[in-house]
Amino acid sequence: MHIAKPSTGIWTHSSAKKCYYGIQLSNKSAEYRPTSSVIIHDHVWIGGNCTIYPDVTIGQNAIIAPNSAVNKNVPQYTMVGGVPAKFIKKTNQV
């Protein structure tokens, strides 16, 4: 696995609902701050300045282009990029 520096973030929680509803970030209510895992499989390349959001699985040999925001699962042998990340192309399966 390769994760480029310096500013790639892998989030296991999100405070977006709190911001949307105007709830103080200090409020620890799980209802408005859900947590979930991020699964990154083998041989994944994540470019710099990416954000990976909760409840995302990145498949084996996937490529995340720099400056991307990944909010959905990425299938194996797939390149994605953009904000939000979208399919770019399939990569070669060896």
N, C-alpha and C. Protein backbone atom coordinates (compact mmCIF):
# COMPACT_ATOMS: atom_id res chain seq x y z
N MET A 1 0.85 -1.17 0.00
CA MET A 1 0.00 0.00 0.00
C MET A 1 0.89 1.23 0.00
N HIS A 2 0.47 2.23 -0.73
CA HIS A 2 1.18 3.50 -0.77
C HIS A 2 0.18 4.62 -0.51
N ILE A 3 0.44 5.41 0.52
CA ILE A 3 -0.38 6.58 0.82
C ILE A 3 0.53 7.79 0.78
N ALA A 4 0.29 8.69 -0.16
CA ALA A 4 1.15 9.85 -0.34
C ALA A 4 0.99 10.85 0.81
N LYS A 5 2.07 11.54 1.12
CA LYS A 5 2.07 12.56 2.16
C LYS A 5 1.84 13.91 1.51
N PRO A 6 1.66 14.97 2.21
CA PRO A 6 1.54 15.05 3.66
C PRO A 6 0.10 15.13 4.14
N SER A 7 -0.86 15.27 3.23
CA SER A 7 -2.19 15.66 3.73
C SER A 7 -3.33 14.74 3.33
N THR A 8 -3.08 13.45 3.23
CA THR A 8 -4.17 12.51 2.96
C THR A 8 -4.83 12.15 4.27
N GLY A 9 -6.16 12.20 4.31
CA GLY A 9 -6.89 11.90 5.54
C GLY A 9 -7.79 10.69 5.35
N ILE A 10 -7.77 9.79 6.34
CA ILE A 10 -8.65 8.63 6.34
C ILE A 10 -9.55 8.79 7.55
N TRP A 11 -10.82 9.05 7.29
CA TRP A 11 -11.78 9.38 8.34
C TRP A 11 -12.60 8.15 8.72
N THR A 12 -12.75 7.92 10.01
CA THR A 12 -13.62 6.84 10.49
C THR A 12 -14.86 7.39 11.16
N HIS A 13 -15.05 8.69 11.08
CA HIS A 13 -16.26 9.33 11.59
C HIS A 13 -16.52 10.58 10.74
N SER A 14 -17.71 11.09 10.84
CA SER A 14 -18.06 12.28 10.10
C SER A 14 -18.93 13.19 10.96
N SER A 15 -18.62 14.46 10.93
CA SER A 15 -19.41 15.45 11.67
C SER A 15 -20.28 16.27 10.73
N ALA A 16 -20.46 15.80 9.50
CA ALA A 16 -21.22 16.57 8.52
C ALA A 16 -22.65 16.83 8.97
N LYS A 17 -23.30 15.83 9.58
CA LYS A 17 -24.68 16.03 10.05
C LYS A 17 -24.73 17.10 11.13
N LYS A 18 -23.71 17.15 12.00
CA LYS A 18 -23.70 18.17 13.04
C LYS A 18 -23.64 19.56 12.43
N CYS A 19 -22.78 19.72 11.45
CA CYS A 19 -22.68 21.02 10.80
C CYS A 19 -23.99 21.39 10.11
N TYR A 20 -24.59 20.43 9.44
CA TYR A 20 -25.83 20.66 8.72
C TYR A 20 -26.96 21.10 9.66
N TYR A 21 -27.05 20.45 10.81
CA TYR A 21 -28.13 20.76 11.76
C TYR A 21 -27.74 21.82 12.80
N GLY A 22 -26.54 22.38 12.71
CA GLY A 22 -26.11 23.42 13.63
C GLY A 22 -25.87 22.93 15.05
N ILE A 23 -25.47 21.68 15.20
CA ILE A 23 -25.21 21.09 16.52
C ILE A 23 -23.75 21.30 16.87
N GLN A 24 -23.49 21.67 18.11
CA GLN A 24 -22.13 21.89 18.58
C GLN A 24 -21.29 20.63 18.38
N LEU A 25 -20.05 20.79 17.91
CA LEU A 25 -19.16 19.65 17.73
C LEU A 25 -18.84 18.95 19.05
N SER A 26 -18.96 19.66 20.16
CA SER A 26 -18.68 19.05 21.47
C SER A 26 -19.78 18.07 21.89
N ASN A 27 -20.95 18.12 21.25
CA ASN A 27 -22.03 17.18 21.53
C ASN A 27 -21.61 15.82 20.98
N LYS A 28 -21.47 14.82 21.84
CA LYS A 28 -20.94 13.51 21.45
C LYS A 28 -22.00 12.52 20.98
N SER A 29 -23.20 12.98 20.69
CA SER A 29 -24.29 12.11 20.28
C SER A 29 -23.91 11.30 19.05
N ALA A 30 -24.00 9.97 19.15
CA ALA A 30 -23.69 9.08 18.02
C ALA A 30 -24.68 9.25 16.88
N GLU A 31 -25.87 9.74 17.19
CA GLU A 31 -26.89 9.93 16.15
C GLU A 31 -26.41 10.91 15.08
N TYR A 32 -25.67 11.91 15.49
CA TYR A 32 -25.22 12.93 14.55
C TYR A 32 -23.72 12.84 14.23
N ARG A 33 -23.05 11.84 14.76
CA ARG A 33 -21.63 11.65 14.45
C ARG A 33 -21.36 10.15 14.30
N PRO A 34 -21.87 9.57 13.22
CA PRO A 34 -21.70 8.13 13.02
C PRO A 34 -20.24 7.76 12.79
N THR A 35 -19.89 6.58 13.24
CA THR A 35 -18.54 6.06 13.01
C THR A 35 -18.64 4.78 12.19
N SER A 36 -17.63 4.52 11.41
CA SER A 36 -17.57 3.31 10.60
C SER A 36 -16.13 3.10 10.15
N SER A 37 -15.81 1.89 9.79
CA SER A 37 -14.43 1.58 9.41
C SER A 37 -14.15 1.95 7.96
N VAL A 38 -12.86 2.02 7.66
CA VAL A 38 -12.36 2.16 6.30
C VAL A 38 -11.48 0.95 6.05
N ILE A 39 -11.74 0.22 4.98
CA ILE A 39 -10.95 -0.98 4.67
C ILE A 39 -10.16 -0.70 3.40
N ILE A 40 -8.85 -0.88 3.49
CA ILE A 40 -7.96 -0.68 2.35
C ILE A 40 -7.24 -2.01 2.10
N HIS A 41 -7.51 -2.61 0.95
CA HIS A 41 -6.91 -3.90 0.61
C HIS A 41 -5.48 -3.74 0.11
N ASP A 42 -4.85 -4.86 -0.23
CA ASP A 42 -3.44 -4.88 -0.64
C ASP A 42 -3.20 -4.17 -1.97
N HIS A 43 -1.98 -3.64 -2.10
CA HIS A 43 -1.48 -3.06 -3.35
C HIS A 43 -2.31 -1.88 -3.84
N VAL A 44 -2.74 -1.04 -2.91
CA VAL A 44 -3.53 0.15 -3.24
C VAL A 44 -2.59 1.35 -3.27
N TRP A 45 -2.82 2.26 -4.21
CA TRP A 45 -2.05 3.49 -4.30
C TRP A 45 -3.02 4.65 -4.10
N ILE A 46 -2.75 5.48 -3.08
CA ILE A 46 -3.58 6.64 -2.77
C ILE A 46 -2.73 7.89 -2.96
N GLY A 47 -3.12 8.74 -3.89
CA GLY A 47 -2.37 9.97 -4.17
C GLY A 47 -2.49 10.98 -3.05
N GLY A 48 -1.66 12.02 -3.14
CA GLY A 48 -1.62 13.05 -2.10
C GLY A 48 -2.89 13.89 -2.04
N ASN A 49 -3.12 14.43 -0.86
CA ASN A 49 -4.22 15.36 -0.61
C ASN A 49 -5.59 14.72 -0.87
N CYS A 50 -5.74 13.44 -0.53
CA CYS A 50 -7.02 12.75 -0.68
C CYS A 50 -7.72 12.68 0.67
N THR A 51 -9.03 12.53 0.62
CA THR A 51 -9.83 12.29 1.81
C THR A 51 -10.64 11.03 1.56
N ILE A 52 -10.51 10.07 2.48
CA ILE A 52 -11.27 8.83 2.42
C ILE A 52 -12.29 8.89 3.55
N TYR A 53 -13.56 8.81 3.23
CA TYR A 53 -14.63 8.96 4.22
C TYR A 53 -15.01 7.62 4.85
N PRO A 54 -15.77 7.66 5.96
CA PRO A 54 -16.15 6.42 6.66
C PRO A 54 -16.98 5.48 5.80
N ASP A 55 -16.92 4.20 6.16
CA ASP A 55 -17.71 3.14 5.53
C ASP A 55 -17.35 2.94 4.06
N VAL A 56 -16.06 3.06 3.75
CA VAL A 56 -15.56 2.88 2.39
C VAL A 56 -14.60 1.69 2.38
N THR A 57 -14.70 0.87 1.33
CA THR A 57 -13.74 -0.21 1.10
C THR A 57 -13.05 0.07 -0.22
N ILE A 58 -11.72 0.02 -0.20
CA ILE A 58 -10.93 0.22 -1.41
C ILE A 58 -10.34 -1.13 -1.79
N GLY A 59 -10.72 -1.63 -2.96
CA GLY A 59 -10.33 -2.96 -3.40
C GLY A 59 -8.87 -3.07 -3.78
N GLN A 60 -8.43 -4.32 -3.88
CA GLN A 60 -7.04 -4.65 -4.20
C GLN A 60 -6.63 -4.01 -5.53
N ASN A 61 -5.40 -3.49 -5.56
CA ASN A 61 -4.80 -2.88 -6.76
C ASN A 61 -5.57 -1.67 -7.28
N ALA A 62 -6.34 -1.00 -6.44
CA ALA A 62 -7.04 0.21 -6.85
C ALA A 62 -6.09 1.41 -6.80
N ILE A 63 -6.43 2.43 -7.56
CA ILE A 63 -5.65 3.67 -7.60
C ILE A 63 -6.60 4.83 -7.33
N ILE A 64 -6.22 5.67 -6.36
CA ILE A 64 -6.98 6.88 -6.05
C ILE A 64 -6.13 8.06 -6.52
N ALA A 65 -6.64 8.81 -7.48
CA ALA A 65 -5.89 9.95 -8.02
C ALA A 65 -5.71 11.03 -6.95
N PRO A 66 -4.62 11.80 -7.04
CA PRO A 66 -4.41 12.88 -6.08
C PRO A 66 -5.58 13.86 -6.04
N ASN A 67 -5.78 14.48 -4.89
CA ASN A 67 -6.81 15.50 -4.68
C ASN A 67 -8.23 14.96 -4.81
N SER A 68 -8.45 13.71 -4.42
CA SER A 68 -9.76 13.09 -4.54
C SER A 68 -10.46 12.96 -3.20
N ALA A 69 -11.78 12.93 -3.24
CA ALA A 69 -12.60 12.68 -2.05
C ALA A 69 -13.39 11.40 -2.31
N VAL A 70 -13.06 10.34 -1.57
CA VAL A 70 -13.67 9.03 -1.80
C VAL A 70 -14.77 8.80 -0.78
N ASN A 71 -16.02 8.75 -1.26
CA ASN A 71 -17.15 8.54 -0.36
C ASN A 71 -17.95 7.29 -0.70
N LYS A 72 -17.47 6.50 -1.68
CA LYS A 72 -18.10 5.25 -2.06
C LYS A 72 -17.03 4.19 -2.25
N ASN A 73 -17.44 2.92 -2.19
CA ASN A 73 -16.50 1.83 -2.37
C ASN A 73 -15.82 1.90 -3.73
N VAL A 74 -14.55 1.47 -3.77
CA VAL A 74 -13.77 1.43 -5.00
C VAL A 74 -13.49 -0.03 -5.31
N PRO A 75 -13.98 -0.54 -6.44
CA PRO A 75 -13.73 -1.94 -6.77
C PRO A 75 -12.24 -2.20 -7.04
N GLN A 76 -11.86 -3.46 -6.94
CA GLN A 76 -10.47 -3.82 -7.22
C GLN A 76 -10.13 -3.52 -8.68
N TYR A 77 -8.85 -3.27 -8.95
CA TYR A 77 -8.34 -2.97 -10.29
C TYR A 77 -9.08 -1.81 -10.95
N THR A 78 -9.34 -0.76 -10.18
CA THR A 78 -10.06 0.40 -10.69
C THR A 78 -9.33 1.68 -10.30
N MET A 79 -9.32 2.65 -11.21
CA MET A 79 -8.79 3.98 -10.91
C MET A 79 -9.96 4.93 -10.77
N VAL A 80 -9.95 5.72 -9.68
CA VAL A 80 -10.97 6.75 -9.46
C VAL A 80 -10.28 8.07 -9.17
N GLY A 81 -11.03 9.16 -9.32
CA GLY A 81 -10.48 10.47 -9.00
C GLY A 81 -11.55 11.53 -9.04
N GLY A 82 -11.26 12.65 -8.41
CA GLY A 82 -12.17 13.79 -8.42
C GLY A 82 -12.85 14.01 -7.08
N VAL A 83 -13.71 15.03 -7.06
CA VAL A 83 -14.47 15.39 -5.85
C VAL A 83 -15.93 15.49 -6.23
N PRO A 84 -16.74 14.51 -5.90
CA PRO A 84 -16.38 13.23 -5.30
C PRO A 84 -15.71 12.32 -6.33
N ALA A 85 -14.99 11.33 -5.84
CA ALA A 85 -14.25 10.42 -6.72
C ALA A 85 -15.21 9.64 -7.62
N LYS A 86 -14.85 9.59 -8.90
CA LYS A 86 -15.64 8.86 -9.89
C LYS A 86 -14.73 7.92 -10.68
N PHE A 87 -15.33 6.93 -11.28
CA PHE A 87 -14.62 5.96 -12.09
C PHE A 87 -13.85 6.66 -13.21
N ILE A 88 -12.58 6.29 -13.36
CA ILE A 88 -11.76 6.79 -14.47
C ILE A 88 -11.53 5.66 -15.47
N LYS A 89 -11.00 4.53 -14.97
CA LYS A 89 -10.76 3.40 -15.86
C LYS A 89 -10.45 2.15 -15.05
N LYS A 90 -10.56 1.02 -15.70
CA LYS A 90 -10.10 -0.24 -15.13
C LYS A 90 -8.61 -0.35 -15.37
N THR A 91 -7.90 -0.96 -14.42
CA THR A 91 -6.46 -1.18 -14.60
C THR A 91 -6.24 -2.63 -14.96
N ASN A 92 -5.05 -2.96 -15.40
CA ASN A 92 -4.74 -4.32 -15.83
C ASN A 92 -4.72 -5.29 -14.65
N GLN A 93 -5.34 -6.42 -14.85
CA GLN A 93 -5.27 -7.50 -13.87
C GLN A 93 -4.18 -8.45 -14.34
N VAL A 94 -3.22 -8.71 -13.46
CA VAL A 94 -2.10 -9.57 -13.82
C VAL A 94 -2.38 -10.98 -13.37
